[in-house]
Protein backbone atom coordinates (compact mmCIF):
# COMPACT_ATOMS: atom_id res chain seq x y z
CA MET A 1 87.60 132.87 96.30
CA THR A 2 89.06 130.29 94.00
CA THR A 3 91.46 129.17 96.50
CA LEU A 4 88.44 128.04 98.75
CA ARG A 5 86.60 126.11 96.26
CA ILE A 6 89.40 124.17 95.57
CA LEU A 7 89.96 123.21 98.83
CA TRP A 8 86.27 122.49 98.97
CA TYR A 9 86.83 120.45 95.83
CA ALA A 10 89.56 118.52 96.96
CA CYS A 11 88.21 117.81 100.65
CA LEU A 12 85.25 115.88 99.24
CA SER A 13 87.89 114.11 96.86
CA GLY A 14 89.58 113.21 99.97
CA MET A 15 86.58 111.86 101.73
CA GLN A 16 85.78 109.75 99.28
CA ASP A 17 89.08 108.02 99.52
CA TYR A 18 88.65 107.53 102.96
CA LYS A 19 85.49 105.94 102.16
CA THR A 20 86.75 103.46 100.19
CA ILE A 21 89.27 102.66 102.61
CA TYR A 22 86.76 102.35 106.01
CA THR A 23 83.35 101.29 106.47
CA TRP A 24 82.10 101.74 110.05
CA ARG A 25 82.79 98.04 111.32
CA SER A 26 86.34 98.12 110.04
CA TRP A 27 86.67 101.60 111.28
CA LEU A 28 85.74 100.44 114.97
CA LEU A 29 87.09 96.80 115.08
CA GLY A 30 90.08 97.46 113.17
CA TRP A 31 91.75 100.89 113.64
CA TYR A 32 89.58 102.14 116.80
CA LEU A 33 90.37 98.61 118.86
CA ARG A 34 94.50 98.93 117.84
CA ILE A 35 94.08 102.77 119.33
CA LEU A 36 92.31 101.45 122.31
CA ALA A 37 95.11 98.80 122.45
CA GLN A 38 97.83 101.42 122.28
CA VAL A 39 96.91 103.37 124.71
CA VAL A 40 95.76 101.11 127.15
CA PHE A 41 99.66 99.62 126.69
CA PHE A 42 100.96 102.99 127.79
CA ALA A 43 98.45 103.22 130.81
CA LEU A 44 99.95 100.04 131.96
CA ILE A 45 103.43 101.14 131.97
CA GLY A 46 101.93 104.03 134.41
CA ARG A 47 100.04 101.22 136.63
CA LEU A 48 103.57 98.84 136.44
CA LEU A 49 104.85 101.91 138.10
CA ARG A 50 102.91 101.83 140.82
CA SER A 51 102.10 105.56 140.13
CA ASP A 52 98.72 107.16 139.41
CA ALA A 53 100.42 110.71 138.03
CA GLN A 54 102.60 108.35 135.44
CA VAL A 55 99.27 106.61 134.56
CA GLU A 56 97.55 110.05 133.93
CA PHE A 57 100.32 111.59 132.45
CA LEU A 58 101.01 108.31 129.81
CA LEU A 59 97.75 107.85 128.88
CA ILE A 60 96.78 111.54 128.53
CA GLY A 61 99.71 112.32 126.23
CA ASN A 62 99.30 108.62 123.89
CA ALA A 63 95.52 109.53 123.38
CA ILE A 64 96.30 112.78 121.97
CA MET A 65 99.46 111.55 120.22
CA VAL A 66 96.80 109.53 117.89
CA ALA A 67 95.62 113.07 116.81
CA ALA A 68 99.12 113.79 115.55
CA GLN A 69 100.28 111.21 114.16
CA GLU A 70 97.06 111.00 111.73
CA GLY A 71 98.08 114.77 111.14
CA ILE A 72 101.56 113.90 110.26
CA TRP A 73 100.52 111.31 108.22
CA ALA A 74 99.52 114.16 105.68
CA LEU A 75 102.74 113.51 103.96
CA ASN A 76 101.79 110.58 102.89
CA LEU A 77 99.69 112.19 100.12
CA VAL A 78 101.83 112.96 98.15
CA LEU A 79 102.84 108.73 97.88
CA TRP A 80 99.50 108.41 96.97
CA ASP A 81 99.31 110.90 93.96
CA ARG A 82 102.51 109.11 92.41
CA ALA A 83 101.64 105.80 92.79
CA SER A 84 98.35 106.89 90.93
CA GLY A 85 99.73 108.78 88.30
CA THR A 86 98.08 112.14 89.44
CA LEU A 87 100.45 114.19 91.28
CA GLN A 88 102.19 115.30 87.40
CA LEU A 89 99.03 116.63 86.39
CA LEU A 90 98.86 118.35 90.11
CA VAL A 91 102.07 120.10 89.69
CA ALA A 92 101.07 120.73 85.95
CA SER A 93 97.98 122.66 86.81
CA PRO A 94 97.84 126.43 87.04
CA SER A 95 96.69 125.76 90.50
CA SER A 96 98.88 125.45 93.99
CA PRO A 97 99.79 121.72 94.63
CA VAL A 98 100.16 122.41 97.80
CA VAL A 99 96.03 124.13 98.44
CA VAL A 100 95.18 120.87 96.67
CA LEU A 101 96.68 118.56 98.51
CA ALA A 102 96.28 120.31 102.43
CA GLY A 103 92.00 119.97 101.04
CA ARG A 104 92.60 116.75 100.01
CA GLY A 105 93.78 115.27 103.75
CA ALA A 106 91.54 116.84 105.74
CA TYR A 107 89.54 114.44 106.49
CA LEU A 108 92.35 112.84 108.55
CA ILE A 109 92.11 115.66 111.31
CA ALA A 110 88.73 114.70 111.53
CA ASP A 111 89.52 110.83 111.90
CA GLY A 112 92.66 112.03 114.30
CA LEU A 113 90.02 114.17 116.73
CA ALA A 114 87.46 110.93 116.64
CA SER A 115 90.33 108.55 117.21
CA ALA A 116 92.18 110.28 119.76
CA ILE A 117 89.00 111.58 121.87
CA GLY A 118 87.62 108.25 121.61
CA ALA A 119 90.25 106.53 123.36
CA LEU A 120 90.84 109.05 126.12
CA PHE A 121 87.08 109.05 127.43
CA VAL A 122 86.88 105.33 126.74
CA VAL A 123 90.10 103.94 128.33
CA GLY A 124 90.25 107.37 130.66
CA PRO A 125 87.51 105.76 132.60
CA LEU A 126 88.93 102.25 132.62
CA PHE A 127 92.16 103.66 134.48
CA HIS A 128 89.97 106.10 137.12
CA LEU A 129 91.29 109.32 134.88
CA ASP A 130 89.41 112.17 136.57
CA LEU A 131 87.65 114.11 133.92
CA PRO A 132 86.65 117.30 135.37
CA TRP A 133 83.02 118.08 133.95
CA PRO A 134 82.17 120.11 131.92
CA GLN A 135 85.72 121.44 131.61
CA VAL A 136 86.64 118.88 129.97
CA LEU A 137 84.58 119.40 126.99
CA LEU A 138 87.52 121.96 126.16
CA VAL A 139 89.51 118.88 125.35
CA VAL A 140 87.64 118.43 122.27
CA PRO A 141 88.75 121.82 120.50
CA LEU A 142 92.23 121.87 121.52
CA THR A 143 92.63 117.96 120.33
CA LEU A 144 91.18 119.38 117.08
CA LEU A 145 93.67 122.31 117.65
CA VAL A 146 96.17 119.71 117.66
CA GLY A 147 95.32 117.32 114.81
CA ALA A 148 95.30 120.90 112.33
CA SER A 149 98.90 122.13 113.74
CA THR A 150 100.39 119.01 113.15
CA TYR A 151 98.35 118.68 109.76
CA CYS A 152 100.13 121.56 108.65
CA LEU A 153 103.38 120.00 109.65
CA GLY A 154 102.53 116.99 107.79
CA THR A 155 101.89 119.65 104.71
CA PHE A 156 105.18 120.50 104.44
CA LEU A 157 106.72 117.09 104.75
CA ALA A 158 104.96 116.33 102.28
CA GLY A 159 107.10 118.74 100.25
CA VAL A 160 110.26 117.37 101.67
CA ILE A 161 108.98 113.84 99.68
CA VAL A 162 108.11 115.31 96.46
CA ARG A 163 112.19 116.62 96.44
CA TRP A 164 113.22 113.69 98.26
CA ARG A 165 111.26 110.42 97.17
CA GLU A 166 113.12 107.76 99.27
CA GLY A 167 112.92 109.85 102.03
CA ASN A 168 109.37 108.51 102.46
CA VAL A 169 109.69 105.80 105.15
CA ILE A 170 112.13 108.05 107.13
CA VAL A 171 110.63 111.17 106.81
CA ALA A 172 107.00 109.32 108.35
CA ASN A 173 108.76 107.88 110.87
CA LEU A 174 111.09 110.30 111.93
CA GLY A 175 108.32 112.68 111.88
CA ILE A 176 106.01 111.32 114.49
CA ALA A 177 109.29 109.66 116.44
CA ALA A 178 110.45 112.95 116.87
CA ALA A 179 106.77 114.33 117.78
CA MET A 180 106.54 111.52 120.60
CA THR A 181 109.53 111.69 122.24
CA VAL A 182 110.05 115.57 122.37
CA CYS A 183 107.00 116.38 122.73
CA GLY A 184 105.81 116.06 126.15
CA VAL A 185 103.95 112.56 124.95
CA ASN A 186 105.91 110.27 127.37
CA VAL A 187 108.39 112.39 129.47
CA PRO A 188 107.94 115.78 130.95
CA LEU A 189 109.46 118.77 129.23
CA ALA A 190 111.28 119.70 132.15
CA PHE A 191 113.57 116.33 131.64
CA TYR A 192 115.19 117.56 128.47
CA PRO A 193 118.10 120.03 128.23
CA GLU A 194 117.03 123.14 127.59
CA PRO A 195 118.38 123.57 124.00
CA LEU A 196 116.06 120.17 123.53
CA GLU A 197 112.97 121.85 125.38
CA TRP A 198 113.25 124.78 122.58
CA VAL A 199 112.84 122.36 119.66
CA ALA A 200 109.95 121.18 121.75
CA ARG A 201 107.96 124.22 121.17
CA CYS A 202 108.66 124.50 118.09
CA LEU A 203 107.12 121.75 116.76
CA PRO A 204 102.91 121.06 117.06
CA LEU A 205 101.54 119.28 119.43
CA THR A 206 103.41 120.34 122.42
CA HIS A 207 101.73 123.54 123.34
CA GLY A 208 98.14 121.62 122.74
CA LEU A 209 99.06 118.79 124.91
CA LEU A 210 100.27 121.22 127.85
CA ALA A 211 96.64 122.75 127.47
CA ILE A 212 94.78 119.60 127.49
CA ARG A 213 96.89 118.47 130.54
CA GLY A 214 96.09 121.95 132.09
CA VAL A 215 92.49 121.58 131.75
CA VAL A 216 92.68 117.94 133.02
CA ASP A 217 94.22 119.26 136.24
CA GLY A 218 92.03 122.39 136.39
CA ALA A 219 94.47 124.96 135.53
CA GLY A 220 93.68 127.97 135.12
CA ALA A 221 91.65 129.68 131.73
CA GLY A 222 94.62 132.04 131.43
CA LEU A 223 97.86 129.38 130.60
CA ILE A 224 94.90 127.14 128.93
CA ALA A 225 94.25 129.98 126.60
CA ARG A 226 98.13 130.89 126.34
CA GLU A 227 99.24 127.16 124.78
CA ALA A 228 96.35 127.13 123.01
CA GLY A 229 97.59 129.81 121.23
CA LEU A 230 100.56 129.04 120.71
CA GLU A 231 99.47 125.69 119.49
CA ALA A 232 97.44 127.79 116.47
CA LEU A 233 100.92 130.31 116.12
CA VAL A 234 103.30 127.15 115.70
CA GLY A 235 100.95 125.49 113.58
CA LEU A 236 100.66 128.30 111.23
CA ALA A 237 104.34 129.07 111.08
CA TRP A 238 104.10 125.36 109.83
CA LEU A 239 101.86 126.02 107.24
CA ALA A 240 103.41 129.63 106.20
CA LEU A 241 106.44 127.56 105.61
CA ALA A 242 104.62 124.98 103.53
CA LEU A 243 103.74 127.30 101.32
CA VAL A 244 106.99 129.05 100.94
CA THR A 245 108.63 125.83 100.21
CA PHE A 246 106.30 123.62 98.73
CA GLY A 247 106.44 125.28 95.33
CA ARG A 248 110.00 125.50 94.92
CA PHE A 249 110.31 121.71 96.61
CA VAL A 250 107.98 120.88 93.09
CA THR A 251 110.88 123.13 90.55
CA HIS A 252 113.59 120.88 91.64
CA GLY A 253 111.73 117.72 91.42
CA ARG A 254 111.01 118.86 87.38
CA ARG A 255 114.62 119.07 87.09
CA ASP A 256 116.02 116.26 88.64
CA GLY A 257 113.06 114.00 87.32
CA SER A 258 112.00 112.73 90.40
CA LEU A 259 108.63 113.32 90.00
CA GLU A 260 108.17 110.69 87.31
CA PHE A 261 105.12 108.30 87.50
CA ALA A 262 107.06 105.21 89.10
CA THR A 263 106.62 104.84 92.85
């Protein structure tokens, strides 16, 4: 019960931080327009190839990638806490730092969901993407699942940043680039060598994106449920890894002095 209370208060704290960054006007005219432009750009590549199938593939992949991208950004929470000088107090508290960090950045999942679904349902009709009704409503919970599972990966990577503070930009960019490259966003998994395909299936986003493509393509409920279940399993595995390793990363940080206030 105490852990749930900590998560709730941390989530409220994160929402207050979010309000200081965005207003509805700045979100719509700044961030959301940027996301629309990004998804349109990739859809236009499919149009350039003169292939409706490529337009659909690239449009769906890059719209859902937005939710995954925001989930991976959870690793920046450590950087923000270090910059504000609260990281040292956090790791010194009797509660688990990973619980607080995971709760504080939960708003990223909601923001990723709104951004991804907003892009898909606005850009999709512009490129005549067939969104079967009412089956397409399943895309909403599946996108939420993608955001949550990649958030678990981002939480694990946050522990890496605690241990290796100089690697913040490298880890963030590698995480997003890896997801965009190997998880079936722009290239089907079948085009990759089998070992790389197995790596992709161990990363969040891969199975969730396959489930979403299945919904749009009218695949059977069994296939969609299987891929959704695998996405949840992968996300839970990364969360478990974060819970196991975060404390060790913090312990090493105390020993080598990498938890100082300077960024």
